[in-house]
Amino acid sequence: MSIEITSTTLFALIGLSIVTAALLYGWQGWLTLKMRQLDAAQGGFAALRVADEGDAPAAARIELADLRERVRRLEAIANGVDL
């Protein structure tokens, strides 16, 4: 009876270890994915900086113009000018 309980406990512990290892492996993969997404996002901001030079795609230039218009509006609000 004691041997059956010990072997069951041992198998449960081994199973838990396998599940834990798989979860940790998945967690590391998820973190790697998020790091790659952050790196790609930083590359997107570089494309906006190039937009002033005219080398960026038209969509980036349009987005940059939109951001400039928003800044103008916020400056007007801060100065008390009614748009």
N, C-alpha and C. Protein backbone atom coordinates (compact mmCIF):
# COMPACT_ATOMS: atom_id res chain seq x y z
N MET A 1 0.82 -1.19 0.00
CA MET A 1 0.00 0.00 0.00
C MET A 1 0.86 1.25 0.00
N SER A 2 1.88 1.24 0.81
CA SER A 2 2.77 2.40 0.89
C SER A 2 3.53 2.59 -0.41
N ILE A 3 3.88 1.52 -1.09
CA ILE A 3 4.61 1.61 -2.35
C ILE A 3 3.71 2.19 -3.43
N GLU A 4 2.43 1.85 -3.42
CA GLU A 4 1.50 2.39 -4.41
C GLU A 4 1.34 3.89 -4.25
N ILE A 5 1.24 4.37 -3.04
CA ILE A 5 1.10 5.80 -2.78
C ILE A 5 2.36 6.54 -3.19
N THR A 6 3.51 5.95 -2.89
CA THR A 6 4.77 6.59 -3.23
C THR A 6 4.95 6.67 -4.74
N SER A 7 4.63 5.61 -5.46
CA SER A 7 4.78 5.63 -6.91
C SER A 7 3.78 6.60 -7.54
N THR A 8 2.58 6.65 -7.02
CA THR A 8 1.58 7.60 -7.53
C THR A 8 2.05 9.03 -7.31
N THR A 9 2.59 9.30 -6.14
CA THR A 9 3.11 10.62 -5.84
C THR A 9 4.28 10.97 -6.75
N LEU A 10 5.14 10.00 -7.00
CA LEU A 10 6.29 10.21 -7.87
C LEU A 10 5.84 10.51 -9.30
N PHE A 11 4.88 9.76 -9.81
CA PHE A 11 4.37 10.00 -11.16
C PHE A 11 3.68 11.37 -11.25
N ALA A 12 2.96 11.75 -10.22
CA ALA A 12 2.31 13.06 -10.20
C ALA A 12 3.36 14.18 -10.21
N LEU A 13 4.42 13.99 -9.46
CA LEU A 13 5.49 14.99 -9.42
C LEU A 13 6.20 15.09 -10.77
N ILE A 14 6.43 13.97 -11.42
CA ILE A 14 7.06 13.97 -12.74
C ILE A 14 6.14 14.66 -13.76
N GLY A 15 4.87 14.36 -13.70
CA GLY A 15 3.91 14.99 -14.61
C GLY A 15 3.84 16.50 -14.39
N LEU A 16 3.82 16.91 -13.14
CA LEU A 16 3.81 18.34 -12.83
C LEU A 16 5.08 19.01 -13.33
N SER A 17 6.20 18.35 -13.22
CA SER A 17 7.47 18.90 -13.72
C SER A 17 7.43 19.06 -15.24
N ILE A 18 6.87 18.09 -15.93
CA ILE A 18 6.78 18.18 -17.39
C ILE A 18 5.87 19.34 -17.81
N VAL A 19 4.74 19.47 -17.15
CA VAL A 19 3.81 20.55 -17.46
C VAL A 19 4.46 21.90 -17.17
N THR A 20 5.16 22.01 -16.06
CA THR A 20 5.84 23.26 -15.70
C THR A 20 6.91 23.61 -16.72
N ALA A 21 7.68 22.63 -17.16
CA ALA A 21 8.72 22.88 -18.17
C ALA A 21 8.10 23.34 -19.48
N ALA A 22 6.99 22.74 -19.87
CA ALA A 22 6.32 23.15 -21.11
C ALA A 22 5.79 24.57 -21.01
N LEU A 23 5.23 24.91 -19.86
CA LEU A 23 4.72 26.27 -19.66
C LEU A 23 5.85 27.29 -19.68
N LEU A 24 6.97 26.98 -19.07
CA LEU A 24 8.10 27.90 -19.08
C LEU A 24 8.66 28.07 -20.48
N TYR A 25 8.70 27.01 -21.26
CA TYR A 25 9.16 27.09 -22.64
C TYR A 25 8.22 27.99 -23.46
N GLY A 26 6.92 27.83 -23.25
CA GLY A 26 5.94 28.68 -23.93
C GLY A 26 6.06 30.13 -23.51
N TRP A 27 6.31 30.37 -22.24
CA TRP A 27 6.48 31.73 -21.72
C TRP A 27 7.70 32.41 -22.38
N GLN A 28 8.79 31.67 -22.50
CA GLN A 28 9.99 32.23 -23.15
C GLN A 28 9.71 32.55 -24.62
N GLY A 29 8.95 31.71 -25.29
CA GLY A 29 8.59 31.98 -26.68
C GLY A 29 7.71 33.21 -26.81
N TRP A 30 6.79 33.39 -25.87
CA TRP A 30 5.91 34.55 -25.88
C TRP A 30 6.72 35.83 -25.64
N LEU A 31 7.67 35.78 -24.71
CA LEU A 31 8.51 36.94 -24.46
C LEU A 31 9.36 37.29 -25.68
N THR A 32 9.86 36.28 -26.36
CA THR A 32 10.63 36.51 -27.57
C THR A 32 9.77 37.18 -28.64
N LEU A 33 8.53 36.72 -28.78
CA LEU A 33 7.60 37.31 -29.74
C LEU A 33 7.36 38.77 -29.43
N LYS A 34 7.14 39.09 -28.17
CA LYS A 34 6.88 40.48 -27.78
C LYS A 34 8.10 41.36 -28.00
N MET A 35 9.29 40.82 -27.77
CA MET A 35 10.51 41.59 -28.02
C MET A 35 10.64 41.90 -29.51
N ARG A 36 10.32 40.92 -30.37
CA ARG A 36 10.38 41.15 -31.81
C ARG A 36 9.36 42.19 -32.24
N GLN A 37 8.17 42.17 -31.63
CA GLN A 37 7.16 43.15 -31.96
C GLN A 37 7.59 44.56 -31.55
N LEU A 38 8.24 44.67 -30.39
CA LEU A 38 8.75 45.97 -29.96
C LEU A 38 9.84 46.47 -30.89
N ASP A 39 10.72 45.59 -31.31
CA ASP A 39 11.77 45.98 -32.25
C ASP A 39 11.16 46.45 -33.58
N ALA A 40 10.13 45.76 -34.03
CA ALA A 40 9.47 46.16 -35.28
C ALA A 40 8.78 47.50 -35.12
N ALA A 41 8.19 47.76 -33.96
CA ALA A 41 7.52 49.03 -33.71
C ALA A 41 8.53 50.17 -33.70
N GLN A 42 9.69 49.95 -33.16
CA GLN A 42 10.72 50.99 -33.15
C GLN A 42 11.18 51.28 -34.57
N GLY A 43 11.20 50.28 -35.40
CA GLY A 43 11.52 50.47 -36.81
C GLY A 43 10.47 51.32 -37.51
N GLY A 44 9.21 51.20 -37.08
CA GLY A 44 8.14 52.02 -37.63
C GLY A 44 8.31 53.48 -37.32
N PHE A 45 8.81 53.80 -36.13
CA PHE A 45 9.07 55.19 -35.77
C PHE A 45 10.23 55.75 -36.59
N ALA A 46 11.17 54.91 -36.95
CA ALA A 46 12.27 55.35 -37.80
C ALA A 46 11.74 55.76 -39.17
N ALA A 47 10.73 55.06 -39.65
CA ALA A 47 10.14 55.41 -40.95
C ALA A 47 9.47 56.78 -40.88
N LEU A 48 8.90 57.13 -39.73
CA LEU A 48 8.30 58.46 -39.59
C LEU A 48 9.36 59.55 -39.59
N ARG A 49 10.52 59.28 -39.01
CA ARG A 49 11.59 60.27 -39.00
C ARG A 49 12.10 60.50 -40.41
N VAL A 50 12.10 59.49 -41.24
CA VAL A 50 12.57 59.60 -42.61
C VAL A 50 11.53 60.32 -43.47
N ALA A 51 10.30 60.42 -42.99
CA ALA A 51 9.23 61.02 -43.79
C ALA A 51 9.54 62.46 -44.15
N ASP A 52 10.25 63.19 -43.31
CA ASP A 52 10.61 64.56 -43.64
C ASP A 52 11.53 64.62 -44.85
N GLU A 53 12.34 63.61 -45.05
CA GLU A 53 13.29 63.60 -46.15
C GLU A 53 12.65 63.14 -47.45
N GLY A 54 11.44 62.62 -47.41
CA GLY A 54 10.75 62.21 -48.62
C GLY A 54 11.03 60.78 -49.04
N ASP A 55 11.73 60.01 -48.26
CA ASP A 55 12.04 58.63 -48.62
C ASP A 55 11.01 57.64 -48.10
N ALA A 56 10.13 58.06 -47.21
CA ALA A 56 9.17 57.15 -46.60
C ALA A 56 7.95 56.98 -47.50
N PRO A 57 7.19 55.93 -47.28
CA PRO A 57 5.96 55.73 -48.06
C PRO A 57 4.95 56.86 -47.81
N ALA A 58 4.03 56.97 -48.71
CA ALA A 58 3.04 58.04 -48.61
C ALA A 58 2.21 57.95 -47.34
N ALA A 59 1.94 56.74 -46.88
CA ALA A 59 1.13 56.58 -45.67
C ALA A 59 1.83 57.18 -44.46
N ALA A 60 3.14 57.04 -44.39
CA ALA A 60 3.88 57.61 -43.26
C ALA A 60 3.85 59.13 -43.32
N ARG A 61 3.94 59.69 -44.53
CA ARG A 61 3.88 61.15 -44.67
C ARG A 61 2.51 61.68 -44.28
N ILE A 62 1.47 60.95 -44.66
CA ILE A 62 0.11 61.37 -44.30
C ILE A 62 -0.06 61.32 -42.79
N GLU A 63 0.44 60.26 -42.17
CA GLU A 63 0.34 60.15 -40.71
C GLU A 63 1.12 61.27 -40.03
N LEU A 64 2.27 61.60 -40.55
CA LEU A 64 3.07 62.67 -39.98
C LEU A 64 2.36 64.01 -40.11
N ALA A 65 1.72 64.26 -41.25
CA ALA A 65 0.95 65.48 -41.44
C ALA A 65 -0.22 65.54 -40.47
N ASP A 66 -0.85 64.41 -40.24
CA ASP A 66 -1.95 64.35 -39.28
C ASP A 66 -1.47 64.68 -37.87
N LEU A 67 -0.31 64.14 -37.50
CA LEU A 67 0.24 64.43 -36.18
C LEU A 67 0.59 65.91 -36.04
N ARG A 68 1.13 66.50 -37.11
CA ARG A 68 1.45 67.94 -37.06
C ARG A 68 0.19 68.77 -36.89
N GLU A 69 -0.88 68.40 -37.58
CA GLU A 69 -2.15 69.12 -37.45
C GLU A 69 -2.69 69.01 -36.03
N ARG A 70 -2.57 67.86 -35.43
CA ARG A 70 -3.01 67.70 -34.04
C ARG A 70 -2.20 68.58 -33.10
N VAL A 71 -0.90 68.66 -33.34
CA VAL A 71 -0.05 69.53 -32.51
C VAL A 71 -0.47 70.98 -32.67
N ARG A 72 -0.75 71.41 -33.91
CA ARG A 72 -1.21 72.78 -34.13
C ARG A 72 -2.50 73.06 -33.37
N ARG A 73 -3.42 72.12 -33.40
CA ARG A 73 -4.68 72.30 -32.68
C ARG A 73 -4.46 72.39 -31.18
N LEU A 74 -3.59 71.52 -30.66
CA LEU A 74 -3.32 71.56 -29.22
C LEU A 74 -2.63 72.86 -28.82
N GLU A 75 -1.73 73.37 -29.66
CA GLU A 75 -1.09 74.65 -29.38
C GLU A 75 -2.11 75.78 -29.40
N ALA A 76 -3.04 75.71 -30.34
CA ALA A 76 -4.09 76.73 -30.41
C ALA A 76 -4.97 76.70 -29.16
N ILE A 77 -5.29 75.50 -28.71
CA ILE A 77 -6.09 75.37 -27.49
C ILE A 77 -5.32 75.92 -26.29
N ALA A 78 -4.02 75.61 -26.23
CA ALA A 78 -3.19 76.08 -25.12
C ALA A 78 -3.07 77.60 -25.13
N ASN A 79 -3.07 78.22 -26.31
CA ASN A 79 -2.97 79.67 -26.42
C ASN A 79 -4.32 80.36 -26.27
N GLY A 80 -5.38 79.60 -26.22
CA GLY A 80 -6.72 80.17 -26.06
C GLY A 80 -7.35 80.62 -27.36
N VAL A 81 -6.83 80.20 -28.48
CA VAL A 81 -7.37 80.58 -29.78
C VAL A 81 -8.51 79.63 -30.11
N ASP A 82 -9.63 80.20 -30.57
CA ASP A 82 -10.78 79.37 -30.93
C ASP A 82 -10.66 78.94 -32.38
N LEU A 83 -10.74 77.63 -32.62
CA LEU A 83 -10.62 77.13 -33.99
C LEU A 83 -11.96 77.11 -34.66
